[in-house]
Every structure is written in structure tokens, then in C-alpha cells.
């Protein structure tokens, strides 16, 4: 498989080294996401946050690299959500393909609603959508779990069993 670290096989000798701050997600964001799943009184060590920061950043690079390779083979320059979903399956993350496809579908619906609302506010007519707002019907309320739109919630499993 290709090297997806942004170093080595892509850019050749003399390519600039990627700065750590550009390679890693902000640690505050990682810590905030980790804290969401823990009990309110739980603490997270700096080491745990840094380890997770490294892992999620590497995971994003890994999946994106696979999606990028697919686009390159198809002579396309833009990686889209369908490419990312395909990469999940190609890399063996089959349990995440359907939830990600559901998320992508809901995301596209929401973006379509926003575009229609923007067009109608400019006087362009637009859609006759009855959506009450950007989050209406998207399942983003507190009962939907920790993931946006609830698309990643595993309602078919006991909530105490985690896939990881």
C-alpha cells in the first residue's frame, strides 16, 4: 500500500517536512471529544490526549490517502465523501461504511436545504422545504448520542458494547 504520511513516496527528495501542528488535530478538540464519552467527573491525562491525537490524525491520513489513491487512478483531483466511504470498506472498516453513508446522505440533505434557503432569501424562489432549521429532523438532539446526526450511533447493539 502507498505511504500515506505525507512524507516519503509523495513529493520526493527535497519535499518540505510537514510541521507537527499541521499534521495533528488540535489537542483541545481531541480532549473535548474524548471527554464527551466519559462520566462528568472523569479526568484524561495529557499522555492519553496526546496518544489519541496521534492516532486519530494518523487514521485520517490513512483513510484519506486510500481515497486519494482511488481518485488518482480515476484521474480525478477532488476527494469526495463517497471516496472516503469507499476507503473505509477497502481498508477493512466495514462496520463504519453504512453509518458513514447515512451521515453523508443527511449531510447532503442539510446542505441542499441550506442552499435552497439561501436562494430563496436572495429572491430566487428555491425549495418548498418545510424544514424548521438546519438541525430539524437531522437527529442532532441530545437523545441522538455523541455523534453528529446520530448516524454513527449503533442502535442495533447494546450501548455498553463498543466496536473498539
N, C-alpha and C. Protein backbone atom coordinates (compact mmCIF):
# COMPACT_ATOMS: atom_id res chain seq x y z
N UNK A 1 0.83 -1.18 0.00
CA UNK A 1 0.00 0.00 0.00
C UNK A 1 0.88 1.25 0.00
N UNK A 2 0.39 2.35 -0.47
CA UNK A 2 1.16 3.58 -0.59
C UNK A 2 1.43 4.19 0.79
N UNK A 3 2.46 5.00 0.85
CA UNK A 3 2.81 5.71 2.08
C UNK A 3 1.86 6.90 2.22
N UNK A 4 1.08 6.93 3.29
CA UNK A 4 0.07 7.98 3.47
C UNK A 4 0.46 8.98 4.54
N UNK A 5 1.75 9.12 4.82
CA UNK A 5 2.18 10.01 5.88
C UNK A 5 2.50 11.41 5.38
N UNK A 6 2.38 11.65 4.09
CA UNK A 6 2.72 12.97 3.56
C UNK A 6 4.21 13.14 3.44
N UNK A 7 4.95 12.08 3.67
CA UNK A 7 6.39 12.10 3.54
C UNK A 7 6.76 10.90 2.71
N UNK A 8 7.98 10.73 2.41
CA UNK A 8 8.39 9.53 1.68
C UNK A 8 7.92 9.57 0.25
N UNK A 9 7.08 8.64 -0.17
CA UNK A 9 6.73 8.42 -1.56
C UNK A 9 6.06 9.55 -2.28
N UNK A 10 5.57 10.58 -1.64
CA UNK A 10 4.83 11.64 -2.33
C UNK A 10 5.59 12.95 -2.25
N UNK A 11 6.30 13.37 -3.13
CA UNK A 11 6.95 14.66 -3.08
C UNK A 11 8.44 14.53 -3.30
N UNK A 12 8.97 13.35 -3.10
CA UNK A 12 10.35 13.07 -3.41
C UNK A 12 11.32 13.80 -2.51
N UNK A 13 12.58 13.69 -2.83
CA UNK A 13 13.59 14.36 -2.03
C UNK A 13 13.45 15.86 -2.14
N UNK A 14 13.75 16.51 -1.05
CA UNK A 14 13.65 17.98 -1.06
C UNK A 14 12.26 18.48 -0.73
N UNK A 15 11.28 17.56 -0.60
CA UNK A 15 9.93 18.00 -0.22
C UNK A 15 9.98 18.52 1.21
N UNK A 16 9.23 19.57 1.48
CA UNK A 16 9.25 20.16 2.82
C UNK A 16 8.66 19.21 3.84
N UNK A 17 9.26 19.18 5.01
CA UNK A 17 8.76 18.39 6.13
C UNK A 17 7.47 19.05 6.63
N UNK A 18 6.45 18.24 6.92
CA UNK A 18 5.19 18.77 7.43
C UNK A 18 5.35 19.07 8.91
N UNK A 19 4.97 20.27 9.31
CA UNK A 19 5.06 20.66 10.72
C UNK A 19 4.05 19.86 11.54
N UNK A 20 4.46 19.53 12.78
CA UNK A 20 3.58 18.75 13.64
C UNK A 20 2.23 19.42 13.84
N UNK A 21 2.21 20.74 13.97
CA UNK A 21 0.95 21.45 14.19
C UNK A 21 0.04 21.37 12.97
N UNK A 22 0.60 21.13 11.81
CA UNK A 22 -0.21 20.99 10.61
C UNK A 22 -0.63 19.54 10.38
N UNK A 23 0.05 18.61 11.01
CA UNK A 23 -0.22 17.19 10.84
C UNK A 23 -1.23 16.66 11.86
N UNK A 24 -1.28 17.28 13.02
CA UNK A 24 -2.12 16.78 14.10
C UNK A 24 -3.36 17.65 14.32
N UNK A 25 -4.45 17.01 14.73
CA UNK A 25 -5.63 17.77 15.13
C UNK A 25 -5.30 18.53 16.41
N UNK A 26 -5.93 19.66 16.64
CA UNK A 26 -5.69 20.40 17.88
C UNK A 26 -6.02 19.55 19.11
N UNK A 27 -5.10 19.52 20.06
CA UNK A 27 -5.27 18.64 21.23
C UNK A 27 -6.48 19.03 22.06
N UNK A 28 -6.84 20.31 22.09
CA UNK A 28 -8.04 20.73 22.83
C UNK A 28 -9.29 20.09 22.24
N UNK A 29 -9.36 20.02 20.93
CA UNK A 29 -10.51 19.40 20.27
C UNK A 29 -10.56 17.90 20.56
N UNK A 30 -9.39 17.25 20.50
CA UNK A 30 -9.33 15.82 20.79
C UNK A 30 -9.79 15.56 22.22
N UNK A 31 -9.28 16.35 23.16
CA UNK A 31 -9.68 16.20 24.57
C UNK A 31 -11.16 16.42 24.77
N UNK A 32 -11.73 17.39 24.08
CA UNK A 32 -13.17 17.69 24.19
C UNK A 32 -13.99 16.50 23.69
N UNK A 33 -13.58 15.91 22.58
CA UNK A 33 -14.30 14.75 22.05
C UNK A 33 -14.19 13.57 23.00
N UNK A 34 -12.99 13.35 23.55
CA UNK A 34 -12.79 12.25 24.50
C UNK A 34 -13.67 12.44 25.73
N UNK A 35 -13.75 13.67 26.22
CA UNK A 35 -14.49 13.97 27.45
C UNK A 35 -15.99 13.71 27.28
N UNK A 36 -16.51 13.87 26.06
CA UNK A 36 -17.94 13.68 25.80
C UNK A 36 -18.42 12.28 26.15
N UNK A 37 -17.57 11.30 26.00
CA UNK A 37 -17.98 9.92 26.21
C UNK A 37 -17.75 9.46 27.65
N UNK A 38 -17.00 10.23 28.41
CA UNK A 38 -16.64 9.85 29.78
C UNK A 38 -17.63 10.42 30.80
N UNK A 39 -17.69 9.81 31.98
CA UNK A 39 -18.52 10.39 33.05
C UNK A 39 -18.02 11.80 33.39
N UNK A 40 -18.90 12.67 33.90
CA UNK A 40 -18.53 14.06 34.15
C UNK A 40 -17.33 14.26 35.07
N UNK A 41 -17.12 13.35 36.01
CA UNK A 41 -16.01 13.54 36.94
C UNK A 41 -14.70 12.89 36.47
N UNK A 42 -14.70 12.27 35.29
CA UNK A 42 -13.50 11.59 34.79
C UNK A 42 -12.45 12.59 34.34
N UNK A 43 -11.21 12.21 34.51
CA UNK A 43 -10.07 13.03 34.07
C UNK A 43 -9.36 12.30 32.95
N UNK A 44 -8.69 13.07 32.09
CA UNK A 44 -7.92 12.49 30.99
C UNK A 44 -6.50 13.03 31.10
N UNK A 45 -5.53 12.13 31.14
CA UNK A 45 -4.14 12.57 31.26
C UNK A 45 -3.66 13.21 29.96
N UNK A 46 -2.63 14.03 30.08
CA UNK A 46 -2.02 14.65 28.91
C UNK A 46 -1.52 13.57 27.96
N UNK A 47 -0.93 12.52 28.53
CA UNK A 47 -0.41 11.42 27.72
C UNK A 47 -1.53 10.75 26.91
N UNK A 48 -2.69 10.54 27.53
CA UNK A 48 -3.82 9.92 26.84
C UNK A 48 -4.29 10.81 25.69
N UNK A 49 -4.39 12.11 25.93
CA UNK A 49 -4.81 13.05 24.88
C UNK A 49 -3.82 13.06 23.73
N UNK A 50 -2.53 13.09 24.05
CA UNK A 50 -1.51 13.12 23.00
C UNK A 50 -1.49 11.82 22.20
N UNK A 51 -1.70 10.70 22.89
CA UNK A 51 -1.75 9.41 22.20
C UNK A 51 -2.94 9.37 21.26
N UNK A 52 -4.10 9.81 21.74
CA UNK A 52 -5.29 9.82 20.90
C UNK A 52 -5.13 10.80 19.74
N UNK A 53 -4.52 11.94 20.00
CA UNK A 53 -4.27 12.95 18.97
C UNK A 53 -3.45 12.34 17.83
N UNK A 54 -2.41 11.62 18.19
CA UNK A 54 -1.56 10.98 17.19
C UNK A 54 -2.35 9.92 16.41
N UNK A 55 -3.12 9.11 17.14
CA UNK A 55 -3.88 8.03 16.50
C UNK A 55 -4.94 8.55 15.53
N UNK A 56 -5.73 9.52 15.95
CA UNK A 56 -6.80 10.00 15.07
C UNK A 56 -6.24 10.73 13.87
N UNK A 57 -5.14 11.44 14.08
CA UNK A 57 -4.51 12.13 12.95
C UNK A 57 -3.96 11.13 11.94
N UNK A 58 -3.34 10.08 12.44
CA UNK A 58 -2.82 9.02 11.57
C UNK A 58 -3.97 8.32 10.84
N UNK A 59 -5.06 8.05 11.56
CA UNK A 59 -6.22 7.38 10.96
C UNK A 59 -6.80 8.22 9.82
N UNK A 60 -6.93 9.51 10.04
CA UNK A 60 -7.46 10.40 9.00
C UNK A 60 -6.54 10.37 7.78
N UNK A 61 -5.24 10.43 8.01
CA UNK A 61 -4.28 10.38 6.91
C UNK A 61 -4.37 9.06 6.15
N UNK A 62 -4.51 7.98 6.89
CA UNK A 62 -4.59 6.64 6.31
C UNK A 62 -5.80 6.50 5.39
N UNK A 63 -6.97 6.88 5.89
CA UNK A 63 -8.20 6.76 5.11
C UNK A 63 -8.18 7.74 3.93
N UNK A 64 -7.74 8.95 4.18
CA UNK A 64 -7.70 9.96 3.11
C UNK A 64 -6.72 9.55 2.02
N UNK A 65 -5.60 8.98 2.42
CA UNK A 65 -4.62 8.52 1.43
C UNK A 65 -5.19 7.45 0.52
N UNK A 66 -5.95 6.53 1.09
CA UNK A 66 -6.58 5.47 0.29
C UNK A 66 -7.62 6.07 -0.67
N UNK A 67 -8.41 7.01 -0.17
CA UNK A 67 -9.40 7.68 -1.03
C UNK A 67 -8.69 8.48 -2.13
N UNK A 68 -7.58 9.11 -1.79
CA UNK A 68 -6.81 9.88 -2.77
C UNK A 68 -6.22 8.97 -3.86
N UNK A 69 -5.73 7.81 -3.45
CA UNK A 69 -5.20 6.86 -4.44
C UNK A 69 -6.28 6.46 -5.44
N UNK A 70 -7.49 6.24 -4.95
CA UNK A 70 -8.62 5.89 -5.82
C UNK A 70 -8.88 7.02 -6.82
N UNK A 71 -8.90 8.25 -6.32
CA UNK A 71 -9.14 9.40 -7.20
C UNK A 71 -8.04 9.52 -8.25
N UNK A 72 -6.80 9.31 -7.82
CA UNK A 72 -5.67 9.40 -8.75
C UNK A 72 -5.81 8.37 -9.87
N UNK A 73 -6.18 7.13 -9.51
CA UNK A 73 -6.37 6.07 -10.51
C UNK A 73 -7.50 6.41 -11.47
N UNK A 74 -8.51 7.13 -10.96
CA UNK A 74 -9.66 7.53 -11.79
C UNK A 74 -9.45 8.88 -12.45
N UNK A 75 -8.23 9.41 -12.32
CA UNK A 75 -7.85 10.70 -12.92
C UNK A 75 -8.75 11.85 -12.46
N UNK A 76 -9.06 11.83 -11.15
CA UNK A 76 -9.82 12.92 -10.55
C UNK A 76 -8.94 13.60 -9.52
N UNK A 77 -9.19 14.89 -9.30
CA UNK A 77 -8.38 15.66 -8.35
C UNK A 77 -9.06 15.87 -7.02
N UNK A 78 -10.37 15.71 -6.96
CA UNK A 78 -11.12 16.02 -5.75
C UNK A 78 -11.59 14.74 -5.06
N UNK A 79 -11.21 14.60 -3.79
CA UNK A 79 -11.69 13.50 -2.96
C UNK A 79 -13.04 13.93 -2.40
N UNK A 80 -14.06 13.09 -2.57
CA UNK A 80 -15.38 13.44 -2.04
C UNK A 80 -15.81 12.44 -0.97
N UNK A 81 -16.96 12.66 -0.39
CA UNK A 81 -17.45 11.81 0.69
C UNK A 81 -17.62 10.36 0.27
N UNK A 82 -18.04 10.13 -0.97
CA UNK A 82 -18.20 8.76 -1.45
C UNK A 82 -16.84 8.05 -1.50
N UNK A 83 -15.79 8.79 -1.85
CA UNK A 83 -14.45 8.20 -1.88
C UNK A 83 -14.01 7.80 -0.47
N UNK A 84 -14.32 8.63 0.51
CA UNK A 84 -13.97 8.32 1.89
C UNK A 84 -14.73 7.08 2.36
N UNK A 85 -16.02 7.00 2.05
CA UNK A 85 -16.80 5.81 2.42
C UNK A 85 -16.22 4.56 1.74
N UNK A 86 -15.85 4.67 0.48
CA UNK A 86 -15.23 3.55 -0.23
C UNK A 86 -13.94 3.13 0.46
N UNK A 87 -13.14 4.12 0.87
CA UNK A 87 -11.86 3.83 1.52
C UNK A 87 -12.06 3.07 2.82
N UNK A 88 -13.11 3.43 3.59
CA UNK A 88 -13.40 2.69 4.82
C UNK A 88 -13.55 1.20 4.51
N UNK A 89 -14.34 0.89 3.49
CA UNK A 89 -14.54 -0.51 3.13
C UNK A 89 -13.28 -1.16 2.60
N UNK A 90 -12.55 -0.46 1.76
CA UNK A 90 -11.34 -1.02 1.17
C UNK A 90 -10.28 -1.32 2.23
N UNK A 91 -10.30 -0.56 3.31
CA UNK A 91 -9.32 -0.74 4.38
C UNK A 91 -9.79 -1.70 5.47
N UNK A 92 -10.99 -2.25 5.28
CA UNK A 92 -11.49 -3.24 6.24
C UNK A 92 -12.33 -2.67 7.37
N UNK A 93 -12.72 -1.41 7.28
CA UNK A 93 -13.55 -0.81 8.31
C UNK A 93 -15.03 -0.92 7.91
N UNK A 94 -15.43 -2.14 7.58
CA UNK A 94 -16.76 -2.38 7.04
C UNK A 94 -17.89 -1.93 7.96
N UNK A 95 -17.68 -2.04 9.28
CA UNK A 95 -18.73 -1.63 10.22
C UNK A 95 -19.05 -0.14 10.15
N UNK A 96 -18.15 0.63 9.57
CA UNK A 96 -18.35 2.08 9.52
C UNK A 96 -18.87 2.57 8.18
N UNK A 97 -18.90 1.72 7.17
CA UNK A 97 -19.32 2.15 5.84
C UNK A 97 -20.77 2.61 5.84
N UNK A 98 -21.69 1.78 6.32
CA UNK A 98 -23.11 2.15 6.31
C UNK A 98 -23.40 3.38 7.17
N UNK A 99 -22.89 3.45 8.42
CA UNK A 99 -23.13 4.67 9.20
C UNK A 99 -22.57 5.92 8.51
N UNK A 100 -21.42 5.81 7.89
CA UNK A 100 -20.85 6.97 7.20
C UNK A 100 -21.67 7.36 5.98
N UNK A 101 -22.19 6.36 5.28
CA UNK A 101 -23.07 6.66 4.13
C UNK A 101 -24.35 7.37 4.60
N UNK A 102 -24.91 6.90 5.73
CA UNK A 102 -26.09 7.58 6.28
C UNK A 102 -25.76 9.02 6.66
N UNK A 103 -24.62 9.21 7.31
CA UNK A 103 -24.19 10.56 7.68
C UNK A 103 -24.03 11.42 6.43
N UNK A 104 -23.36 10.90 5.41
CA UNK A 104 -23.13 11.65 4.17
C UNK A 104 -24.45 12.03 3.51
N UNK A 105 -25.40 11.10 3.51
CA UNK A 105 -26.72 11.37 2.92
C UNK A 105 -27.41 12.52 3.67
N UNK A 106 -27.39 12.45 5.01
CA UNK A 106 -28.03 13.51 5.80
C UNK A 106 -27.29 14.84 5.65
N UNK A 107 -25.97 14.77 5.59
CA UNK A 107 -25.18 15.99 5.38
C UNK A 107 -25.57 16.64 4.05
N UNK A 108 -25.68 15.85 3.00
CA UNK A 108 -26.04 16.40 1.68
C UNK A 108 -27.45 16.97 1.68
N UNK A 109 -28.37 16.31 2.38
CA UNK A 109 -29.73 16.86 2.51
C UNK A 109 -29.70 18.21 3.19
N UNK A 110 -28.94 18.31 4.28
CA UNK A 110 -28.82 19.55 5.03
C UNK A 110 -28.21 20.66 4.17
N UNK A 111 -27.17 20.33 3.44
CA UNK A 111 -26.54 21.31 2.56
C UNK A 111 -27.50 21.77 1.46
N UNK A 112 -28.30 20.84 0.94
CA UNK A 112 -29.30 21.20 -0.07
C UNK A 112 -30.34 22.14 0.50
N UNK A 113 -30.76 21.88 1.75
CA UNK A 113 -31.73 22.76 2.41
C UNK A 113 -31.13 24.15 2.62
N UNK A 114 -29.87 24.20 3.02
CA UNK A 114 -29.20 25.50 3.23
C UNK A 114 -29.08 26.27 1.93
N UNK A 115 -28.74 25.58 0.85
CA UNK A 115 -28.60 26.24 -0.45
C UNK A 115 -29.95 26.78 -0.92
N UNK A 116 -31.01 25.99 -0.70
CA UNK A 116 -32.35 26.42 -1.10
C UNK A 116 -32.79 27.63 -0.27
N UNK A 117 -32.48 27.61 1.02
CA UNK A 117 -32.85 28.73 1.89
C UNK A 117 -32.09 29.99 1.48
N UNK A 118 -30.82 29.84 1.13
CA UNK A 118 -30.03 31.00 0.70
C UNK A 118 -30.58 31.56 -0.61
N UNK A 119 -30.96 30.67 -1.52
CA UNK A 119 -31.51 31.12 -2.80
C UNK A 119 -32.84 31.84 -2.60
N UNK A 120 -33.68 31.33 -1.72
CA UNK A 120 -34.98 31.97 -1.51
C UNK A 120 -34.82 33.30 -0.79
N UNK A 121 -33.80 33.42 0.07
CA UNK A 121 -33.60 34.70 0.76
C UNK A 121 -33.05 35.76 -0.19
N UNK A 122 -32.47 35.31 -1.30
CA UNK A 122 -31.99 36.25 -2.33
C UNK A 122 -33.08 36.54 -3.35
N UNK A 123 -34.25 35.95 -3.13
CA UNK A 123 -35.35 36.20 -4.05
C UNK A 123 -35.38 35.24 -5.22
N UNK A 124 -34.65 34.14 -5.13
CA UNK A 124 -34.57 33.19 -6.23
C UNK A 124 -35.59 32.08 -6.17
N UNK A 125 -36.61 32.23 -5.36
CA UNK A 125 -37.62 31.18 -5.27
C UNK A 125 -37.14 30.07 -4.38
N UNK A 126 -36.58 29.04 -4.97
CA UNK A 126 -35.98 27.97 -4.19
C UNK A 126 -36.95 26.86 -3.86
N UNK A 127 -36.61 26.11 -2.88
CA UNK A 127 -37.34 24.91 -2.49
C UNK A 127 -38.54 25.25 -1.63
N UNK A 128 -39.48 24.33 -1.58
CA UNK A 128 -40.64 24.48 -0.71
C UNK A 128 -40.46 23.60 0.52
N UNK A 129 -39.24 23.42 0.95
CA UNK A 129 -38.93 22.59 2.12
C UNK A 129 -39.62 23.15 3.35
N UNK A 130 -40.11 22.25 4.20
CA UNK A 130 -40.77 22.67 5.42
C UNK A 130 -39.85 22.52 6.62
N UNK A 131 -38.59 22.40 6.38
CA UNK A 131 -37.62 22.24 7.45
C UNK A 131 -37.62 23.47 8.34
N UNK A 132 -37.61 23.24 9.66
CA UNK A 132 -37.67 24.34 10.61
C UNK A 132 -36.31 24.95 10.88
N UNK A 133 -35.28 24.43 10.28
CA UNK A 133 -33.94 24.97 10.51
C UNK A 133 -32.90 23.94 10.12
N UNK A 134 -31.63 24.31 10.24
CA UNK A 134 -30.58 23.42 9.78
C UNK A 134 -30.51 22.11 10.54
N UNK A 135 -30.98 22.07 11.79
CA UNK A 135 -30.90 20.84 12.56
C UNK A 135 -32.21 20.08 12.61
N UNK A 136 -33.26 20.62 12.03
CA UNK A 136 -34.56 19.97 12.11
C UNK A 136 -34.54 18.62 11.39
N UNK A 137 -34.98 17.60 12.11
CA UNK A 137 -35.07 16.29 11.51
C UNK A 137 -33.74 15.61 11.30
N UNK A 138 -32.65 16.21 11.70
CA UNK A 138 -31.34 15.63 11.45
C UNK A 138 -30.91 14.69 12.56
N UNK A 139 -31.66 14.64 13.64
CA UNK A 139 -31.29 13.74 14.72
C UNK A 139 -30.12 14.26 15.53
N UNK A 140 -29.92 15.56 15.54
CA UNK A 140 -28.77 16.13 16.23
C UNK A 140 -29.08 16.48 17.68
N UNK A 141 -30.25 16.14 18.15
CA UNK A 141 -30.63 16.46 19.52
C UNK A 141 -29.89 15.63 20.54
N UNK A 142 -30.12 15.91 21.82
CA UNK A 142 -29.39 15.24 22.87
C UNK A 142 -29.64 13.74 22.94
N UNK A 143 -30.76 13.26 22.45
CA UNK A 143 -31.05 11.84 22.52
C UNK A 143 -30.33 11.04 21.45
N UNK A 144 -29.64 11.72 20.53
CA UNK A 144 -29.02 11.00 19.42
C UNK A 144 -27.62 10.51 19.73
N UNK A 145 -27.13 10.69 20.95
CA UNK A 145 -25.80 10.18 21.27
C UNK A 145 -24.74 11.23 21.06
N UNK A 146 -23.53 10.78 20.86
CA UNK A 146 -22.40 11.68 20.81
C UNK A 146 -21.99 12.07 19.40
N UNK A 147 -22.60 11.48 18.38
CA UNK A 147 -22.16 11.75 17.02
C UNK A 147 -23.16 12.65 16.30
N UNK A 148 -22.63 13.52 15.46
CA UNK A 148 -23.47 14.42 14.70
C UNK A 148 -24.49 13.62 13.88
N UNK A 149 -25.71 14.03 13.87
CA UNK A 149 -26.83 13.41 13.17
C UNK A 149 -27.20 12.04 13.74
N UNK A 150 -26.46 11.52 14.71
CA UNK A 150 -26.75 10.20 15.23
C UNK A 150 -26.43 9.08 14.24
N UNK A 151 -25.79 9.41 13.13
CA UNK A 151 -25.53 8.41 12.10
C UNK A 151 -24.55 7.35 12.55
N UNK A 152 -23.68 7.69 13.49
CA UNK A 152 -22.68 6.73 13.94
C UNK A 152 -23.15 5.94 15.16
N UNK A 153 -24.29 6.30 15.73
CA UNK A 153 -24.81 5.54 16.86
C UNK A 153 -25.13 4.13 16.40
N UNK A 154 -24.82 3.17 17.24
CA UNK A 154 -25.04 1.77 16.90
C UNK A 154 -26.27 1.28 17.64
N UNK A 155 -27.45 1.69 17.16
CA UNK A 155 -28.70 1.34 17.84
C UNK A 155 -29.00 -0.15 17.76
N UNK A 156 -28.33 -0.87 16.84
CA UNK A 156 -28.57 -2.30 16.72
C UNK A 156 -27.81 -3.10 17.77
N UNK A 157 -26.95 -2.44 18.54
CA UNK A 157 -26.16 -3.11 19.58
C UNK A 157 -26.49 -2.53 20.94
N UNK A 158 -26.15 -3.26 21.96
CA UNK A 158 -26.25 -2.78 23.33
C UNK A 158 -25.31 -1.59 23.47
N UNK A 159 -25.76 -0.50 24.07
CA UNK A 159 -24.94 0.70 24.16
C UNK A 159 -23.68 0.50 24.98
N UNK A 160 -23.64 -0.54 25.81
CA UNK A 160 -22.43 -0.76 26.60
C UNK A 160 -21.36 -1.50 25.83
N UNK A 161 -21.71 -2.09 24.68
CA UNK A 161 -20.67 -2.76 23.89
C UNK A 161 -20.18 -1.81 22.81
N UNK A 162 -18.92 -1.58 22.80
CA UNK A 162 -18.30 -0.67 21.85
C UNK A 162 -17.56 -1.47 20.79
N UNK A 163 -17.53 -0.99 19.54
CA UNK A 163 -16.85 -1.73 18.49
C UNK A 163 -15.33 -1.66 18.60
N UNK A 164 -14.82 -0.94 19.59
CA UNK A 164 -13.36 -0.81 19.71
C UNK A 164 -12.86 -1.17 21.06
